[in-house]
Amino acid sequence: MEVRVWGCRGSVAAPGPQTVKYGGNTSCVEVRLSSGQVLVLDAGTGMRPLGVEMTANGCPEIHILLSHLHLDHLQGLGFFQPLFDPNLEIHIWGPPSPVQPLSERIAMYLSPPLFPVHLDDVPARLTFHDATEDVVAIGSATMRSGKVLHQGPTVGYRIEEHGRSLAYVPDHEPSLGPSLATSEPEWMSGYDIARGADVLLHDAQYRDHEYSAHVGWGHSALADTVQFASKAGVQNLVLFHHDPYHTDDELETLLTEAREIWPWAEEQICLAKPGVHEAGRSGERQAPYTGGRDSPSP
């Protein structure tokens, strides 16, 4: 599979000269399968340029996988050009709700007065699916979801193709569950999705000294992200959902801090940025990190 990041900023788009390298668009990741289908992880503002490229080059089958319905993960949907092609069938997946179908929840945004076009009037043929924890085959890959700790119904996704695995957990506050330092991995929120993944894209919105002012907001402190990845046994960690107030220089400081926390995995930790990421980069499994936000670096 080929993985291309179109947006990795969190909370709100943050364009400008200080965010050029790591991008200002909100969450949107394209996963192109060897069988031709395209999976689009979230519909943030990065979805607009993705749609332009898809319109120019064509795509036989599109599946949009929404982790949750906060606006920074949804506001690009109405500007996704394939949505307005009557010849296309588009599948939209999202977290289930016991009170309202996915289509109605999305239509609360894609309708007046918040948007000029109602979801029912979109020309493409839309099919809505509740994201399931069961394995679903899409072309040459399989996909499944799992609930994670965040505000509102939220899931992470795991995609596997030809023995390679990609886990996507963009909004996640695992420290609200059992202690990451002392609990068994199986008790961590999101563990089943991330376990042993070749590549994990994971929320890393806050530096550790920033987290105390944002507990309960639904996002990870850096040390918690590193510890989660280590205990889940992932091979490559991509720091995702960059805080809108973090400049490119501050993000590179955050990356340095992450590599100091888990020095054995220095080459396996990187910052998400617009462009292609190869899922399943080769490398040795790393020694586990057993510290935490209140522990000294190893």
C-alpha atoms as a PDB file:
ATOM      1  CA  MET A   1       0.000   0.000   0.000  1.00  0.00           C
ATOM      2  CA  GLU A   2       1.090   3.571  -0.616  1.00  0.00           C
ATOM      3  CA  VAL A   3       0.328   6.075   2.128  1.00  0.00           C
ATOM      4  CA  ARG A   4       0.228   9.789   1.381  1.00  0.00           C
ATOM      5  CA  VAL A   5      -0.459  12.474   3.968  1.00  0.00           C
ATOM      6  CA  TRP A   6      -2.556  15.400   2.728  1.00  0.00           C
ATOM      7  CA  GLY A   7      -3.184  16.926   6.142  1.00  0.00           C
ATOM      8  CA  CYS A   8      -1.798  16.239   9.617  1.00  0.00           C
ATOM      9  CA  ARG A   9      -2.625  19.387  11.593  1.00  0.00           C
ATOM     10  CA  GLY A  10      -4.957  19.071  14.571  1.00  0.00           C
ATOM     11  CA  SER A  11      -8.005  21.026  15.730  1.00  0.00           C
ATOM     12  CA  VAL A  12      -8.029  23.776  13.102  1.00  0.00           C
ATOM     13  CA  ALA A  13      -6.168  24.492   9.870  1.00  0.00           C
ATOM     14  CA  ALA A  14      -3.029  26.564  10.440  1.00  0.00           C
ATOM     15  CA  PRO A  15      -1.587  27.763   7.108  1.00  0.00           C
ATOM     16  CA  GLY A  16       1.253  30.245   7.060  1.00  0.00           C
ATOM     17  CA  PRO A  17       5.006  30.702   6.698  1.00  0.00           C
ATOM     18  CA  GLN A  18       5.735  29.000  10.029  1.00  0.00           C
ATOM     19  CA  THR A  19       3.920  25.750   9.119  1.00  0.00           C
ATOM     20  CA  VAL A  20       5.086  25.204   5.530  1.00  0.00           C
ATOM     21  CA  LYS A  21       7.224  22.111   6.173  1.00  0.00           C
ATOM     22  CA  TYR A  22       4.762  20.094   8.258  1.00  0.00           C
ATOM     23  CA  GLY A  23       1.627  21.568   6.732  1.00  0.00           C
ATOM     24  CA  GLY A  24      -1.402  23.490   7.867  1.00  0.00           C
ATOM     25  CA  ASN A  25      -4.202  21.275   6.539  1.00  0.00           C
ATOM     26  CA  THR A  26      -6.181  19.149   8.984  1.00  0.00           C
ATOM     27  CA  SER A  27      -6.320  15.369   8.985  1.00  0.00           C
ATOM     28  CA  CYS A  28      -6.550  13.537   5.674  1.00  0.00           C
ATOM     29  CA  VAL A  29      -4.478  10.517   4.629  1.00  0.00           C
ATOM     30  CA  GLU A  30      -4.724   8.671   1.303  1.00  0.00           C
ATOM     31  CA  VAL A  31      -4.065   4.925   1.282  1.00  0.00           C
ATOM     32  CA  ARG A  32      -3.838   3.582  -2.259  1.00  0.00           C
ATOM     33  CA  LEU A  33      -4.134  -0.194  -2.522  1.00  0.00           C
ATOM     34  CA  SER A  34      -2.388  -2.410  -5.067  1.00  0.00           C
ATOM     35  CA  SER A  35      -5.843  -3.440  -6.337  1.00  0.00           C
ATOM     36  CA  GLY A  36      -6.654   0.183  -7.218  1.00  0.00           C
ATOM     37  CA  GLN A  37      -9.082   1.196  -4.479  1.00  0.00           C
ATOM     38  CA  VAL A  38      -8.344   4.299  -2.442  1.00  0.00           C
ATOM     39  CA  LEU A  39      -9.056   4.566   1.280  1.00  0.00           C
ATOM     40  CA  VAL A  40      -9.218   8.130   2.597  1.00  0.00           C
ATOM     41  CA  LEU A  41      -8.608   8.427   6.322  1.00  0.00           C
ATOM     42  CA  ASP A  42     -10.610  11.417   7.562  1.00  0.00           C
ATOM     43  CA  ALA A  43     -11.978  14.403   5.697  1.00  0.00           C
ATOM     44  CA  GLY A  44     -10.113  17.401   7.060  1.00  0.00           C
ATOM     45  CA  THR A  45      -9.053  20.330   4.912  1.00  0.00           C
ATOM     46  CA  GLY A  46      -6.359  18.195   3.279  1.00  0.00           C
ATOM     47  CA  MET A  47      -9.192  16.455   1.434  1.00  0.00           C
ATOM     48  CA  ARG A  48      -9.635  19.397  -0.921  1.00  0.00           C
ATOM     49  CA  PRO A  49      -6.273  19.028  -2.745  1.00  0.00           C
ATOM     50  CA  LEU A  50      -6.641  15.236  -2.662  1.00  0.00           C
ATOM     51  CA  GLY A  51      -9.952  15.571  -4.495  1.00  0.00           C
ATOM     52  CA  VAL A  52      -8.366  17.782  -7.130  1.00  0.00           C
ATOM     53  CA  GLU A  53      -5.737  15.129  -7.848  1.00  0.00           C
ATOM     54  CA  MET A  54      -8.306  12.313  -7.899  1.00  0.00           C
ATOM     55  CA  THR A  55     -10.462  14.215 -10.368  1.00  0.00           C
ATOM     56  CA  ALA A  56      -7.479  14.698 -12.652  1.00  0.00           C
ATOM     57  CA  ASN A  57      -6.246  11.102 -12.484  1.00  0.00           C
ATOM     58  CA  GLY A  58      -9.409   9.097 -11.826  1.00  0.00           C
ATOM     59  CA  CYS A  59     -10.207   6.530  -9.179  1.00  0.00           C
ATOM     60  CA  PRO A  60     -12.349   3.404  -9.533  1.00  0.00           C
ATOM     61  CA  GLU A  61     -13.521   3.066  -5.920  1.00  0.00           C
ATOM     62  CA  ILE A  62     -13.298   5.392  -2.913  1.00  0.00           C
ATOM     63  CA  HIS A  63     -13.815   4.553   0.755  1.00  0.00           C
ATOM     64  CA  ILE A  64     -13.764   7.442   3.241  1.00  0.00           C
ATOM     65  CA  LEU A  65     -12.963   6.259   6.783  1.00  0.00           C
ATOM     66  CA  LEU A  66     -13.932   8.862   9.378  1.00  0.00           C
ATOM     67  CA  SER A  67     -12.384   8.482  12.818  1.00  0.00           C
ATOM     68  CA  HIS A  68     -14.996  10.812  14.337  1.00  0.00           C
ATOM     69  CA  LEU A  69     -17.099  13.802  13.398  1.00  0.00           C
ATOM     70  CA  HIS A  70     -15.328  16.780  14.920  1.00  0.00           C
ATOM     71  CA  LEU A  71     -15.122  19.552  12.331  1.00  0.00           C
ATOM     72  CA  ASP A  72     -11.366  19.370  11.804  1.00  0.00           C
ATOM     73  CA  HIS A  73     -11.903  15.829  10.502  1.00  0.00           C
ATOM     74  CA  LEU A  74     -14.980  16.623   8.416  1.00  0.00           C
ATOM     75  CA  GLN A  75     -14.808  20.120   6.979  1.00  0.00           C
ATOM     76  CA  GLY A  76     -13.026  19.089   3.785  1.00  0.00           C
ATOM     77  CA  LEU A  77     -15.808  16.719   2.735  1.00  0.00           C
ATOM     78  CA  GLY A  78     -17.934  19.381   1.067  1.00  0.00           C
ATOM     79  CA  PHE A  79     -14.934  20.481  -1.029  1.00  0.00           C
ATOM     80  CA  PHE A  80     -13.987  16.972  -2.194  1.00  0.00           C
ATOM     81  CA  GLN A  81     -14.495  17.149  -5.960  1.00  0.00           C
ATOM     82  CA  PRO A  82     -15.337  13.427  -6.484  1.00  0.00           C
ATOM     83  CA  LEU A  83     -18.421  14.018  -4.328  1.00  0.00           C
ATOM     84  CA  PHE A  84     -19.890  15.986  -7.232  1.00  0.00           C
ATOM     85  CA  ASP A  85     -19.292  13.353  -9.923  1.00  0.00           C
ATOM     86  CA  PRO A  86     -22.564  11.469 -10.612  1.00  0.00           C
ATOM     87  CA  ASN A  87     -20.595   8.557 -12.086  1.00  0.00           C
ATOM     88  CA  LEU A  88     -18.836   7.742  -8.822  1.00  0.00           C
ATOM     89  CA  GLU A  89     -19.901   5.534  -5.946  1.00  0.00           C
ATOM     90  CA  ILE A  90     -18.337   6.563  -2.655  1.00  0.00           C
ATOM     91  CA  HIS A  91     -18.467   4.591   0.593  1.00  0.00           C
ATOM     92  CA  ILE A  92     -18.352   6.568   3.845  1.00  0.00           C
ATOM     93  CA  TRP A  93     -17.508   4.785   7.091  1.00  0.00           C
ATOM     94  CA  GLY A  94     -17.701   6.270  10.569  1.00  0.00           C
ATOM     95  CA  PRO A  95     -18.206   5.492  14.261  1.00  0.00           C
ATOM     96  CA  PRO A  96     -21.627   4.046  15.059  1.00  0.00           C
ATOM     97  CA  SER A  97     -24.138   5.828  17.249  1.00  0.00           C
ATOM     98  CA  PRO A  98     -27.117   4.299  19.084  1.00  0.00           C
ATOM     99  CA  VAL A  99     -29.266   7.391  18.491  1.00  0.00           C
ATOM    100  CA  GLN A 100     -28.629   8.684  14.957  1.00  0.00           C
ATOM    101  CA  PRO A 101     -27.433   7.179  11.645  1.00  0.00           C
ATOM    102  CA  LEU A 102     -24.070   8.278  10.272  1.00  0.00           C
ATOM    103  CA  SER A 103     -25.654  10.008   7.269  1.00  0.00           C
ATOM    104  CA  GLU A 104     -27.840  12.199   9.506  1.00  0.00           C
ATOM    105  CA  ARG A 105     -24.918  13.169  11.716  1.00  0.00           C
ATOM    106  CA  ILE A 106     -22.807  14.198   8.710  1.00  0.00           C
ATOM    107  CA  ALA A 107     -25.785  16.069   7.232  1.00  0.00           C
ATOM    108  CA  MET A 108     -25.883  18.285  10.335  1.00  0.00           C
ATOM    109  CA  TYR A 109     -22.720  19.872   8.907  1.00  0.00           C
ATOM    110  CA  LEU A 110     -23.348  19.357   5.174  1.00  0.00           C
ATOM    111  CA  SER A 111     -26.586  21.327   5.025  1.00  0.00           C
ATOM    112  CA  PRO A 112     -27.755  24.934   5.444  1.00  0.00           C
ATOM    113  CA  PRO A 113     -27.047  27.094   7.357  1.00  0.00           C
ATOM    114  CA  LEU A 114     -23.540  25.650   7.828  1.00  0.00           C
ATOM    115  CA  PHE A 115     -23.044  24.581   4.195  1.00  0.00           C
ATOM    116  CA  PRO A 116     -24.913  25.672   1.051  1.00  0.00           C
ATOM    117  CA  VAL A 117     -25.428  22.173  -0.395  1.00  0.00           C
ATOM    118  CA  HIS A 118     -27.398  19.499   1.438  1.00  0.00           C
ATOM    119  CA  LEU A 119     -25.855  16.061   1.659  1.00  0.00           C
ATOM    120  CA  ASP A 120     -28.941  14.595  -0.060  1.00  0.00           C
ATOM    121  CA  ASP A 121     -28.224  16.742  -3.136  1.00  0.00           C
ATOM    122  CA  VAL A 122     -24.650  15.561  -3.666  1.00  0.00           C
ATOM    123  CA  PRO A 123     -24.468  13.977  -7.177  1.00  0.00           C
ATOM    124  CA  ALA A 124     -22.191  11.028  -6.314  1.00  0.00           C
ATOM    125  CA  ARG A 125     -23.819   7.812  -5.127  1.00  0.00           C
ATOM    126  CA  LEU A 126     -23.094   7.642  -1.398  1.00  0.00           C
ATOM    127  CA  THR A 127     -23.262   4.521   0.754  1.00  0.00           C
ATOM    128  CA  PHE A 128     -22.875   4.891   4.518  1.00  0.00           C
ATOM    129  CA  HIS A 129     -21.467   2.214   6.818  1.00  0.00           C
ATOM    130  CA  ASP A 130     -20.984   1.994  10.564  1.00  0.00           C
ATOM    131  CA  ALA A 131     -17.300   1.269  11.178  1.00  0.00           C
ATOM    132  CA  THR A 132     -17.059  -2.262  12.478  1.00  0.00           C
ATOM    133  CA  GLU A 133     -14.629  -4.119  14.683  1.00  0.00           C
ATOM    134  CA  ASP A 134     -15.047  -7.094  12.354  1.00  0.00           C
ATOM    135  CA  VAL A 135     -12.593  -7.493   9.485  1.00  0.00           C
ATOM    136  CA  VAL A 136     -13.884  -6.068   6.186  1.00  0.00           C
ATOM    137  CA  ALA A 137     -12.250  -6.891   2.847  1.00  0.00           C
ATOM    138  CA  ILE A 138     -11.741  -3.966   0.471  1.00  0.00           C
ATOM    139  CA  GLY A 139      -9.930  -4.976  -2.698  1.00  0.00           C
ATOM    140  CA  SER A 140      -6.524  -6.402  -1.826  1.00  0.00           C
ATOM    141  CA  ALA A 141      -6.669  -5.176   1.792  1.00  0.00           C
ATOM    142  CA  THR A 142      -8.613  -5.708   4.985  1.00  0.00           C
ATOM    143  CA  MET A 143      -9.857  -2.990   7.295  1.00  0.00           C
ATOM    144  CA  ARG A 144     -11.268  -2.927  10.801  1.00  0.00           C
ATOM    145  CA  SER A 145     -11.874  -0.314  13.463  1.00  0.00           C
ATOM    146  CA  GLY A 146     -11.740  -0.085  17.228  1.00  0.00           C
ATOM    147  CA  LYS A 147     -13.047   2.412  19.770  1.00  0.00           C
ATOM    148  CA  VAL A 148     -10.501   4.774  21.345  1.00  0.00           C
ATOM    149  CA  LEU A 149     -10.617   7.364  24.131  1.00  0.00           C
ATOM    150  CA  HIS A 150     -11.575  10.783  22.755  1.00  0.00           C
ATOM    151  CA  GLN A 151     -14.469  13.201  23.123  1.00  0.00           C
ATOM    152  CA  GLY A 152     -17.528  11.721  21.389  1.00  0.00           C
ATOM    153  CA  PRO A 153     -17.751   8.406  19.486  1.00  0.00           C
ATOM    154  CA  THR A 154     -14.264   7.875  18.031  1.00  0.00           C
ATOM    155  CA  VAL A 155     -12.481   4.970  16.367  1.00  0.00           C
ATOM    156  CA  GLY A 156      -9.049   4.129  15.090  1.00  0.00           C
ATOM    157  CA  TYR A 157      -8.482   2.073  11.935  1.00  0.00           C
ATOM    158  CA  ARG A 158      -6.169  -0.768  11.004  1.00  0.00           C
ATOM    159  CA  ILE A 159      -5.480  -1.585   7.356  1.00  0.00           C
ATOM    160  CA  GLU A 160      -3.537  -4.663   6.256  1.00  0.00           C
ATOM    161  CA  GLU A 161      -2.337  -5.615   2.800  1.00  0.00           C
ATOM    162  CA  HIS A 162       0.209  -8.240   1.687  1.00  0.00           C
ATOM    163  CA  GLY A 163       1.523  -8.752   5.210  1.00  0.00           C
ATOM    164  CA  ARG A 164       1.948  -5.038   5.967  1.00  0.00           C
ATOM    165  CA  SER A 165      -0.144  -3.113   8.465  1.00  0.00           C
ATOM    166  CA  LEU A 166      -1.022   0.531   8.992  1.00  0.00           C
ATOM    167  CA  ALA A 167      -2.728   1.784  12.167  1.00  0.00           C
ATOM    168  CA  TYR A 168      -4.381   5.205  12.234  1.00  0.00           C
ATOM    169  CA  VAL A 169      -5.273   6.713  15.629  1.00  0.00           C
ATOM    170  CA  PRO A 170      -5.276  10.483  15.080  1.00  0.00           C
ATOM    171  CA  ASP A 171      -7.238  11.651  18.145  1.00  0.00           C
ATOM    172  CA  HIS A 172      -6.531   9.689  21.318  1.00  0.00           C
ATOM    173  CA  GLU A 173      -5.904  10.314  25.014  1.00  0.00           C
ATOM    174  CA  PRO A 174      -4.767   6.896  26.269  1.00  0.00           C
ATOM    175  CA  SER A 175      -3.670   8.211  29.668  1.00  0.00           C
ATOM    176  CA  LEU A 176      -7.326   8.672  30.688  1.00  0.00           C
ATOM    177  CA  GLY A 177      -7.613   4.895  30.910  1.00  0.00           C
ATOM    178  CA  PRO A 178      -5.569   2.604  33.169  1.00  0.00           C
ATOM    179  CA  SER A 179      -2.037   3.786  33.923  1.00  0.00           C
ATOM    180  CA  LEU A 180       0.109   3.329  30.829  1.00  0.00           C
ATOM    181  CA  ALA A 181       3.152   2.679  33.006  1.00  0.00           C
ATOM    182  CA  THR A 182       1.676  -0.170  35.042  1.00  0.00           C
ATOM    183  CA  SER A 183      -1.223  -1.683  33.106  1.00  0.00           C
ATOM    184  CA  GLU A 184      -1.010  -4.683  30.827  1.00  0.00           C
ATOM    185  CA  PRO A 185      -0.966  -3.634  27.149  1.00  0.00           C
ATOM    186  CA  GLU A 186      -4.300  -5.363  26.520  1.00  0.00           C
ATOM    187  CA  TRP A 187      -5.992  -2.831  28.812  1.00  0.00           C
ATOM    188  CA  MET A 188      -4.771   0.210  26.885  1.00  0.00           C
ATOM    189  CA  SER A 189      -7.299   2.067  24.761  1.00  0.00           C
ATOM    190  CA  GLY A 190      -6.446   1.437  21.114  1.00  0.00           C
ATOM    191  CA  TYR A 191      -4.088  -1.479  21.750  1.00  0.00           C
ATOM    192  CA  ASP A 192      -5.882  -3.950  19.503  1.00  0.00           C
ATOM    193  CA  ILE A 193      -5.731  -1.540  16.556  1.00  0.00           C
ATOM    194  CA  ALA A 194      -2.064  -0.614  17.005  1.00  0.00           C
ATOM    195  CA  ARG A 195      -0.622  -3.956  18.155  1.00  0.00           C
ATOM    196  CA  GLY A 196       2.441  -4.900  16.124  1.00  0.00           C
ATOM    197  CA  ALA A 197       1.666  -2.431  13.320  1.00  0.00           C
ATOM    198  CA  ASP A 198       4.390  -1.698  10.797  1.00  0.00           C
ATOM    199  CA  VAL A 199       3.366   1.968  10.830  1.00  0.00           C
ATOM    200  CA  LEU A 200       1.313   3.828  13.440  1.00  0.00           C
ATOM    201  CA  LEU A 201       0.027   7.347  12.810  1.00  0.00           C
ATOM    202  CA  HIS A 202      -0.850   8.590  16.298  1.00  0.00           C
ATOM    203  CA  ASP A 203      -1.958  11.758  18.046  1.00  0.00           C
ATOM    204  CA  ALA A 204       1.010  13.659  19.522  1.00  0.00           C
ATOM    205  CA  GLN A 205      -0.563  17.072  19.964  1.00  0.00           C
ATOM    206  CA  TYR A 206       1.043  18.185  23.230  1.00  0.00           C
ATOM    207  CA  ARG A 207       4.561  18.413  24.510  1.00  0.00           C
ATOM    208  CA  ASP A 208       4.708  16.972  28.008  1.00  0.00           C
ATOM    209  CA  HIS A 209       4.829  20.337  29.793  1.00  0.00           C
ATOM    210  CA  GLU A 210       1.710  21.446  27.875  1.00  0.00           C
ATOM    211  CA  TYR A 211      -0.455  18.451  28.702  1.00  0.00           C
ATOM    212  CA  SER A 212      -1.447  19.360  32.257  1.00  0.00           C
ATOM    213  CA  ALA A 213      -3.475  22.318  30.955  1.00  0.00           C
ATOM    214  CA  HIS A 214      -5.326  20.069  28.481  1.00  0.00           C
ATOM    215  CA  VAL A 215      -6.192  16.914  30.426  1.00  0.00           C
ATOM    216  CA  GLY A 216      -9.516  15.573  29.186  1.00  0.00           C
ATOM    217  CA  TRP A 217      -9.385  17.423  25.877  1.00  0.00           C
ATOM    218  CA  GLY A 218      -8.921  14.134  24.043  1.00  0.00           C
ATOM    219  CA  HIS A 219      -5.299  14.354  22.913  1.00  0.00           C
ATOM    220  CA  SER A 220      -1.978  12.802  23.856  1.00  0.00           C
ATOM    221  CA  ALA A 221       1.074  14.035  25.656  1.00  0.00           C
ATOM    222  CA  LEU A 222       4.252  13.132  23.801  1.00  0.00           C
ATOM    223  CA  ALA A 223       5.555  10.675  26.423  1.00  0.00           C
ATOM    224  CA  ASP A 224       2.178   8.914  26.457  1.00  0.00           C
ATOM    225  CA  THR A 225       2.287   8.550  22.675  1.00  0.00           C
ATOM    226  CA  VAL A 226       5.773   7.059  22.799  1.00  0.00           C
ATOM    227  CA  GLN A 227       4.868   4.724  25.638  1.00  0.00           C
ATOM    228  CA  PHE A 228       1.685   3.611  23.872  1.00  0.00           C
ATOM    229  CA  ALA A 229       3.627   2.832  20.685  1.00  0.00           C
ATOM    230  CA  SER A 230       6.303   0.965  22.596  1.00  0.00           C
ATOM    231  CA  LYS A 231       3.877  -1.173  24.595  1.00  0.00           C
ATOM    232  CA  ALA A 232       1.860  -1.894  21.447  1.00  0.00           C
ATOM    233  CA  GLY A 233       5.027  -3.145  19.732  1.00  0.00           C
ATOM    234  CA  VAL A 234       4.767  -0.923  16.659  1.00  0.00           C
ATOM    235  CA  GLN A 235       7.702  -0.732  14.289  1.00  0.00           C
ATOM    236  CA  ASN A 236       7.443   2.856  13.052  1.00  0.00           C
ATOM    237  CA  LEU A 237       5.745   5.751  14.840  1.00  0.00           C
ATOM    238  CA  VAL A 238       4.542   8.784  12.884  1.00  0.00           C
ATOM    239  CA  LEU A 239       3.690  11.719  15.158  1.00  0.00           C
ATOM    240  CA  PHE A 240       0.372  13.117  13.922  1.00  0.00           C
ATOM    241  CA  HIS A 241      -2.330  15.734  14.697  1.00  0.00           C
ATOM    242  CA  HIS A 242       0.108  18.611  15.211  1.00  0.00           C
ATOM    243  CA  ASP A 243      -1.077  21.369  17.506  1.00  0.00           C
ATOM    244  CA  PRO A 244      -2.178  24.421  15.453  1.00  0.00           C
ATOM    245  CA  TYR A 245       0.040  26.636  17.622  1.00  0.00           C
ATOM    246  CA  HIS A 246       3.203  24.590  16.991  1.00  0.00           C
ATOM    247  CA  THR A 247       5.500  26.031  14.337  1.00  0.00           C
ATOM    248  CA  ASP A 248       7.772  23.891  12.173  1.00  0.00           C
ATOM    249  CA  ASP A 249      10.666  24.648  14.511  1.00  0.00           C
ATOM    250  CA  GLU A 250       8.641  23.685  17.591  1.00  0.00           C
ATOM    251  CA  LEU A 251       7.575  20.424  15.953  1.00  0.00           C
ATOM    252  CA  GLU A 252      11.219  19.560  15.307  1.00  0.00           C
ATOM    253  CA  THR A 253      11.921  20.205  18.979  1.00  0.00           C
ATOM    254  CA  LEU A 254       9.052  17.856  19.807  1.00  0.00           C
ATOM    255  CA  LEU A 255      10.603  15.203  17.556  1.00  0.00           C
ATOM    256  CA  THR A 256      13.951  15.579  19.309  1.00  0.00           C
ATOM    257  CA  GLU A 257      12.197  15.111  22.658  1.00  0.00           C
ATOM    258  CA  ALA A 258      10.450  11.972  21.392  1.00  0.00           C
ATOM    259  CA  ARG A 259      13.761  10.468  20.275  1.00  0.00           C
ATOM    260  CA  GLU A 260      15.320  11.279  23.643  1.00  0.00           C
ATOM    261  CA  ILE A 261      12.464   9.502  25.415  1.00  0.00           C
ATOM    262  CA  TRP A 262      12.876   6.354  23.288  1.00  0.00           C
ATOM    263  CA  PRO A 263      16.472   6.506  21.978  1.00  0.00           C
ATOM    264  CA  TRP A 264      16.539   2.890  20.772  1.00  0.00           C
ATOM    265  CA  ALA A 265      13.846   3.815  18.258  1.00  0.00           C
ATOM    266  CA  GLU A 266      15.351   7.075  16.994  1.00  0.00           C
ATOM    267  CA  GLU A 267      15.178   6.043  13.330  1.00  0.00           C
ATOM    268  CA  GLN A 268      11.652   4.693  13.730  1.00  0.00           C
ATOM    269  CA  ILE A 269      10.053   7.953  14.935  1.00  0.00           C
ATOM    270  CA  CYS A 270       9.199  10.785  12.559  1.00  0.00           C
ATOM    271  CA  LEU A 271       6.845  13.721  12.183  1.00  0.00           C
ATOM    272  CA  ALA A 272       3.913  13.458   9.810  1.00  0.00           C
ATOM    273  CA  LYS A 273       4.185  15.902   6.923  1.00  0.00           C
ATOM    274  CA  PRO A 274       2.528  16.222   3.524  1.00  0.00           C
ATOM    275  CA  GLY A 275       3.791  13.609   1.084  1.00  0.00           C
ATOM    276  CA  VAL A 276       4.238   9.877   0.657  1.00  0.00           C
ATOM    277  CA  HIS A 277       5.045   7.533   3.542  1.00  0.00           C
ATOM    278  CA  GLU A 278       5.893   3.934   2.739  1.00  0.00           C
ATOM    279  CA  ALA A 279       3.934   1.588   4.994  1.00  0.00           C
ATOM    280  CA  GLY A 280       6.093  -1.146   6.470  1.00  0.00           C
ATOM    281  CA  ARG A 281       9.590   0.336   6.345  1.00  0.00           C
ATOM    282  CA  SER A 282      12.051  -2.368   7.355  1.00  0.00           C
ATOM    283  CA  GLY A 283      13.663  -2.245  10.772  1.00  0.00           C
ATOM    284  CA  GLU A 284      14.264  -4.124  13.982  1.00  0.00           C
ATOM    285  CA  ARG A 285      11.669  -4.280  16.736  1.00  0.00           C
ATOM    286  CA  GLN A 286      12.668  -1.773  19.368  1.00  0.00           C
ATOM    287  CA  ALA A 287      13.357  -2.277  23.061  1.00  0.00           C
ATOM    288  CA  PRO A 288      10.327  -1.207  25.101  1.00  0.00           C
ATOM    289  CA  TYR A 289      10.168   2.180  26.768  1.00  0.00           C
ATOM    290  CA  THR A 290       8.962   1.817  30.349  1.00  0.00           C
ATOM    291  CA  GLY A 291       8.999   5.413  31.579  1.00  0.00           C
ATOM    292  CA  GLY A 292       6.273   8.036  31.516  1.00  0.00           C
ATOM    293  CA  ARG A 293       5.659  11.772  31.735  1.00  0.00           C
ATOM    294  CA  ASP A 294       6.911  11.760  35.317  1.00  0.00           C
ATOM    295  CA  SER A 295       9.842   9.433  34.697  1.00  0.00           C
ATOM    296  CA  PRO A 296      13.359  10.436  33.627  1.00  0.00           C
ATOM    297  CA  SER A 297      14.370   9.626  30.085  1.00  0.00           C
ATOM    298  CA  PRO A 298      16.247   6.317  29.791  1.00  0.00           C
END
